[in-house]
Amino acid sequence: LAHELRWEVLEAVSKTGGHLSSSLGVIELTVALHYVFDMPEDDIIWDVSHQCYPHKILTGRRDKMSGLRQLGGISGFCKRKE
């Protein structure tokens, strides 16, 4: 799963730009948090909100990552309304 998430993040950021190192740095942590906690019932507060790309992928927004940081697309930061 971590390997798949890495490629998803790399693919999205390579097309639209974004925060690569911070997202790659929390891949394993994100997988562990999703394993231990009940998402989306339990809240996660990210140290830096642009660490949330793997979380967005795991919470049903994978298909929206192609519009990352684009007008009308998914935000490059955490947004509760997404």
N, C-alpha and C. Protein backbone atom coordinates (compact mmCIF):
# COMPACT_ATOMS: atom_id res chain seq x y z
N LEU A 1 0.83 -1.19 0.00
CA LEU A 1 0.00 0.00 0.00
C LEU A 1 0.87 1.26 0.00
N ALA A 2 1.91 1.26 0.81
CA ALA A 2 2.80 2.43 0.87
C ALA A 2 3.45 2.69 -0.48
N HIS A 3 3.86 1.64 -1.15
CA HIS A 3 4.47 1.78 -2.48
C HIS A 3 3.46 2.40 -3.46
N GLU A 4 2.24 1.92 -3.43
CA GLU A 4 1.19 2.44 -4.30
C GLU A 4 0.91 3.93 -4.01
N LEU A 5 0.85 4.27 -2.74
CA LEU A 5 0.62 5.67 -2.37
C LEU A 5 1.76 6.58 -2.85
N ARG A 6 2.99 6.08 -2.72
CA ARG A 6 4.14 6.87 -3.19
C ARG A 6 3.99 7.22 -4.67
N TRP A 7 3.64 6.22 -5.47
CA TRP A 7 3.48 6.46 -6.91
C TRP A 7 2.32 7.39 -7.20
N GLU A 8 1.23 7.26 -6.47
CA GLU A 8 0.08 8.15 -6.67
C GLU A 8 0.47 9.60 -6.38
N VAL A 9 1.18 9.81 -5.27
CA VAL A 9 1.62 11.17 -4.91
C VAL A 9 2.59 11.70 -5.95
N LEU A 10 3.57 10.88 -6.34
CA LEU A 10 4.54 11.31 -7.36
C LEU A 10 3.86 11.67 -8.67
N GLU A 11 2.90 10.87 -9.07
CA GLU A 11 2.19 11.13 -10.33
C GLU A 11 1.41 12.45 -10.26
N ALA A 12 0.68 12.66 -9.18
CA ALA A 12 -0.12 13.88 -9.04
C ALA A 12 0.77 15.12 -9.00
N VAL A 13 1.81 15.08 -8.19
CA VAL A 13 2.68 16.25 -8.03
C VAL A 13 3.48 16.52 -9.30
N SER A 14 3.85 15.49 -10.02
CA SER A 14 4.63 15.70 -11.25
C SER A 14 3.80 16.40 -12.33
N LYS A 15 2.47 16.28 -12.25
CA LYS A 15 1.61 16.90 -13.25
C LYS A 15 1.17 18.31 -12.86
N THR A 16 0.95 18.53 -11.58
CA THR A 16 0.35 19.81 -11.18
C THR A 16 1.21 20.61 -10.22
N GLY A 17 2.31 20.04 -9.78
CA GLY A 17 3.12 20.70 -8.75
C GLY A 17 2.53 20.43 -7.39
N GLY A 18 3.29 20.76 -6.38
CA GLY A 18 2.78 20.54 -5.02
C GLY A 18 3.90 20.22 -4.06
N HIS A 19 3.54 19.76 -2.92
CA HIS A 19 4.47 19.51 -1.83
C HIS A 19 4.86 18.04 -1.82
N LEU A 20 5.96 17.73 -2.43
CA LEU A 20 6.35 16.33 -2.61
C LEU A 20 7.00 15.74 -1.37
N SER A 21 8.06 16.35 -0.86
CA SER A 21 8.82 15.71 0.22
C SER A 21 8.00 15.54 1.49
N SER A 22 7.20 16.52 1.84
CA SER A 22 6.40 16.39 3.06
C SER A 22 5.37 15.28 2.94
N SER A 23 4.80 15.10 1.77
CA SER A 23 3.82 14.02 1.57
C SER A 23 4.50 12.66 1.55
N LEU A 24 5.64 12.56 0.88
CA LEU A 24 6.35 11.29 0.84
C LEU A 24 6.86 10.89 2.23
N GLY A 25 7.18 11.89 3.04
CA GLY A 25 7.72 11.63 4.37
C GLY A 25 6.72 11.04 5.35
N VAL A 26 5.44 11.12 5.03
CA VAL A 26 4.43 10.63 5.97
C VAL A 26 3.61 9.46 5.42
N ILE A 27 4.09 8.84 4.35
CA ILE A 27 3.33 7.73 3.75
C ILE A 27 3.08 6.61 4.76
N GLU A 28 4.13 6.08 5.37
CA GLU A 28 3.97 4.97 6.30
C GLU A 28 3.17 5.39 7.53
N LEU A 29 3.40 6.61 8.00
CA LEU A 29 2.65 7.13 9.13
C LEU A 29 1.16 7.19 8.80
N THR A 30 0.82 7.65 7.61
CA THR A 30 -0.57 7.76 7.19
C THR A 30 -1.23 6.38 7.12
N VAL A 31 -0.53 5.42 6.56
CA VAL A 31 -1.07 4.05 6.49
C VAL A 31 -1.31 3.51 7.91
N ALA A 32 -0.37 3.74 8.81
CA ALA A 32 -0.51 3.27 10.19
C ALA A 32 -1.68 3.95 10.89
N LEU A 33 -1.84 5.26 10.69
CA LEU A 33 -2.95 5.98 11.31
C LEU A 33 -4.29 5.46 10.82
N HIS A 34 -4.36 5.16 9.54
CA HIS A 34 -5.61 4.64 8.98
C HIS A 34 -5.89 3.21 9.45
N TYR A 35 -4.86 2.48 9.76
CA TYR A 35 -5.03 1.12 10.28
C TYR A 35 -5.53 1.15 11.73
N VAL A 36 -4.98 2.07 12.52
CA VAL A 36 -5.27 2.11 13.95
C VAL A 36 -6.57 2.86 14.26
N PHE A 37 -6.81 3.95 13.56
CA PHE A 37 -7.97 4.79 13.87
C PHE A 37 -9.11 4.55 12.89
N ASP A 38 -10.29 5.01 13.27
CA ASP A 38 -11.50 4.84 12.47
C ASP A 38 -11.73 6.09 11.63
N MET A 39 -11.23 6.06 10.42
CA MET A 39 -11.40 7.20 9.52
C MET A 39 -12.74 7.07 8.81
N PRO A 40 -13.52 8.08 8.63
CA PRO A 40 -13.26 9.49 8.95
C PRO A 40 -13.82 9.91 10.31
N GLU A 41 -14.26 8.96 11.13
CA GLU A 41 -14.81 9.33 12.44
C GLU A 41 -13.77 9.99 13.33
N ASP A 42 -12.55 9.46 13.35
CA ASP A 42 -11.48 10.04 14.16
C ASP A 42 -10.80 11.13 13.35
N ASP A 43 -10.49 12.23 14.01
CA ASP A 43 -9.82 13.35 13.35
C ASP A 43 -8.31 13.19 13.40
N ILE A 44 -7.66 13.64 12.34
CA ILE A 44 -6.20 13.71 12.30
C ILE A 44 -5.85 15.18 12.16
N ILE A 45 -4.91 15.64 12.95
CA ILE A 45 -4.39 16.99 12.80
C ILE A 45 -2.96 16.87 12.33
N TRP A 46 -2.70 17.35 11.12
CA TRP A 46 -1.37 17.25 10.53
C TRP A 46 -0.50 18.41 11.02
N ASP A 47 0.77 18.11 11.27
CA ASP A 47 1.74 19.11 11.69
C ASP A 47 1.83 20.22 10.64
N VAL A 48 1.91 19.83 9.40
CA VAL A 48 1.92 20.74 8.26
C VAL A 48 0.86 20.22 7.31
N SER A 49 -0.08 21.05 6.94
CA SER A 49 -1.24 20.52 6.23
C SER A 49 -0.93 19.99 4.84
N HIS A 50 0.22 20.31 4.26
CA HIS A 50 0.50 19.73 2.96
C HIS A 50 1.11 18.33 3.08
N GLN A 51 1.04 17.74 4.27
CA GLN A 51 1.38 16.33 4.46
C GLN A 51 0.19 15.43 4.17
N CYS A 52 -0.93 16.00 3.79
CA CYS A 52 -2.18 15.24 3.74
C CYS A 52 -2.46 14.56 2.40
N TYR A 53 -1.59 14.66 1.41
CA TYR A 53 -1.89 14.03 0.12
C TYR A 53 -2.17 12.53 0.25
N PRO A 54 -1.35 11.75 0.98
CA PRO A 54 -1.67 10.31 1.11
C PRO A 54 -3.01 10.09 1.82
N HIS A 55 -3.31 10.92 2.79
CA HIS A 55 -4.58 10.82 3.51
C HIS A 55 -5.75 11.08 2.55
N LYS A 56 -5.61 12.06 1.69
CA LYS A 56 -6.68 12.35 0.73
C LYS A 56 -6.91 11.16 -0.21
N ILE A 57 -5.84 10.52 -0.61
CA ILE A 57 -5.96 9.35 -1.49
C ILE A 57 -6.69 8.22 -0.77
N LEU A 58 -6.34 7.98 0.49
CA LEU A 58 -6.94 6.88 1.25
C LEU A 58 -8.38 7.15 1.68
N THR A 59 -8.81 8.39 1.62
CA THR A 59 -10.16 8.72 2.07
C THR A 59 -11.09 9.02 0.90
N GLY A 60 -10.86 8.37 -0.21
CA GLY A 60 -11.81 8.42 -1.31
C GLY A 60 -11.64 9.55 -2.30
N ARG A 61 -10.50 10.23 -2.26
CA ARG A 61 -10.30 11.35 -3.18
C ARG A 61 -9.22 11.05 -4.22
N ARG A 62 -8.91 9.79 -4.39
CA ARG A 62 -7.88 9.37 -5.34
C ARG A 62 -8.16 9.89 -6.74
N ASP A 63 -9.40 9.79 -7.18
CA ASP A 63 -9.76 10.22 -8.53
C ASP A 63 -9.68 11.73 -8.72
N LYS A 64 -9.63 12.48 -7.63
CA LYS A 64 -9.54 13.94 -7.71
C LYS A 64 -8.10 14.45 -7.68
N MET A 65 -7.14 13.58 -7.42
CA MET A 65 -5.75 14.01 -7.30
C MET A 65 -5.18 14.57 -8.60
N SER A 66 -5.75 14.21 -9.73
CA SER A 66 -5.27 14.76 -11.00
C SER A 66 -5.56 16.26 -11.10
N GLY A 67 -6.49 16.75 -10.28
CA GLY A 67 -6.80 18.17 -10.25
C GLY A 67 -6.18 18.89 -9.07
N LEU A 68 -5.17 18.27 -8.46
CA LEU A 68 -4.50 18.83 -7.30
C LEU A 68 -4.00 20.25 -7.59
N ARG A 69 -4.39 21.19 -6.73
CA ARG A 69 -3.94 22.58 -6.81
C ARG A 69 -4.35 23.28 -8.10
N GLN A 70 -5.37 22.77 -8.76
CA GLN A 70 -5.88 23.38 -9.99
C GLN A 70 -7.22 24.07 -9.68
N LEU A 71 -7.56 25.06 -10.48
CA LEU A 71 -8.83 25.76 -10.32
C LEU A 71 -9.98 24.75 -10.37
N GLY A 72 -10.78 24.73 -9.33
CA GLY A 72 -11.89 23.80 -9.24
C GLY A 72 -11.50 22.41 -8.79
N GLY A 73 -10.21 22.18 -8.56
CA GLY A 73 -9.72 20.87 -8.16
C GLY A 73 -9.51 20.76 -6.66
N ILE A 74 -8.89 19.69 -6.26
CA ILE A 74 -8.64 19.42 -4.85
C ILE A 74 -7.51 20.33 -4.35
N SER A 75 -7.62 20.73 -3.10
CA SER A 75 -6.67 21.66 -2.50
C SER A 75 -5.33 20.98 -2.22
N GLY A 76 -4.28 21.77 -2.23
CA GLY A 76 -2.96 21.28 -1.86
C GLY A 76 -2.76 21.24 -0.36
N PHE A 77 -3.75 21.69 0.38
CA PHE A 77 -3.71 21.70 1.83
C PHE A 77 -4.96 21.01 2.37
N CYS A 78 -5.01 20.81 3.67
CA CYS A 78 -6.19 20.20 4.30
C CYS A 78 -7.35 21.18 4.25
N LYS A 79 -8.51 20.67 3.86
CA LYS A 79 -9.74 21.45 3.90
C LYS A 79 -10.84 20.55 4.41
N ARG A 80 -11.47 20.92 5.49
CA ARG A 80 -12.51 20.09 6.09
C ARG A 80 -13.68 19.85 5.14
N LYS A 81 -13.98 20.81 4.27
CA LYS A 81 -15.15 20.65 3.40
C LYS A 81 -14.89 19.76 2.20
N GLU A 82 -13.67 19.30 2.00
CA GLU A 82 -13.41 18.39 0.87
C GLU A 82 -13.85 16.98 1.20
